[in-house]
Amino acid sequence: MACRVSELSGVMLYGQTPEEARTKVQALALRVIAERIESGETQPELVSVMFNAA
């Protein structure tokens, strides 16, 4: 099962179950956002994170 975050290019992961894939991709999305904030690519006050159930 694959799960991706279309708003974040390249954020896609696989899991043996939909829940596992969703959990993994959410963790990766948060890491990508944190790296973008740390590197100055985006401002923290402009970031809003929401995960919808699939």
Protein backbone atom coordinates (compact mmCIF):
# COMPACT_ATOMS: atom_id res chain seq x y z
CA MET A 1 0.00 0.00 0.00
CA ALA A 2 1.38 3.42 -0.98
CA CYS A 3 0.57 6.72 0.65
CA ARG A 4 1.72 10.18 -0.45
CA VAL A 5 1.38 13.85 0.41
CA SER A 6 0.64 15.63 -2.85
CA GLU A 7 1.49 19.07 -1.41
CA LEU A 8 5.05 17.93 -0.62
CA SER A 9 6.89 16.72 -3.68
CA GLY A 10 8.58 13.37 -3.15
CA VAL A 11 6.80 12.50 0.09
CA MET A 12 5.56 8.97 -0.57
CA LEU A 13 6.03 5.77 1.40
CA TYR A 14 4.80 2.20 1.37
CA GLY A 15 3.44 0.04 4.15
CA GLN A 16 2.02 -3.43 4.45
CA THR A 17 -1.29 -1.94 5.56
CA PRO A 18 -2.96 1.40 4.78
CA GLU A 19 -2.49 2.42 8.42
CA GLU A 20 1.24 1.66 8.35
CA ALA A 21 1.71 3.60 5.11
CA ARG A 22 -0.25 6.56 6.48
CA THR A 23 1.74 6.62 9.73
CA LYS A 24 5.05 6.48 7.87
CA VAL A 25 4.13 9.19 5.36
CA GLN A 26 2.86 11.50 8.12
CA ALA A 27 6.16 11.17 9.99
CA LEU A 28 8.13 11.86 6.80
CA ALA A 29 5.96 14.89 5.95
CA LEU A 30 6.63 16.38 9.39
CA ARG A 31 10.38 15.82 8.98
CA VAL A 32 10.34 17.50 5.55
CA ILE A 33 8.43 20.50 6.93
CA ALA A 34 10.83 20.77 9.90
CA GLU A 35 13.85 20.69 7.57
CA ARG A 36 12.32 23.42 5.40
CA ILE A 37 11.74 25.61 8.45
CA GLU A 38 15.29 24.99 9.77
CA SER A 39 16.85 25.81 6.40
CA GLY A 40 14.77 28.97 6.00
CA GLU A 41 12.82 27.72 2.98
CA THR A 42 9.54 28.50 4.74
CA GLN A 43 8.51 30.54 7.76
CA PRO A 44 7.07 28.68 10.78
CA GLU A 45 4.05 30.99 11.00
CA LEU A 46 3.08 30.05 7.42
CA VAL A 47 2.96 26.32 8.10
CA SER A 48 -0.31 24.55 8.78
CA VAL A 49 -0.44 20.76 9.03
CA MET A 50 -3.58 18.67 8.74
CA PHE A 51 -3.87 14.98 7.90
CA ASN A 52 -7.15 13.67 6.51
CA ALA A 53 -8.22 10.08 6.92
CA ALA A 54 -8.09 8.20 3.65
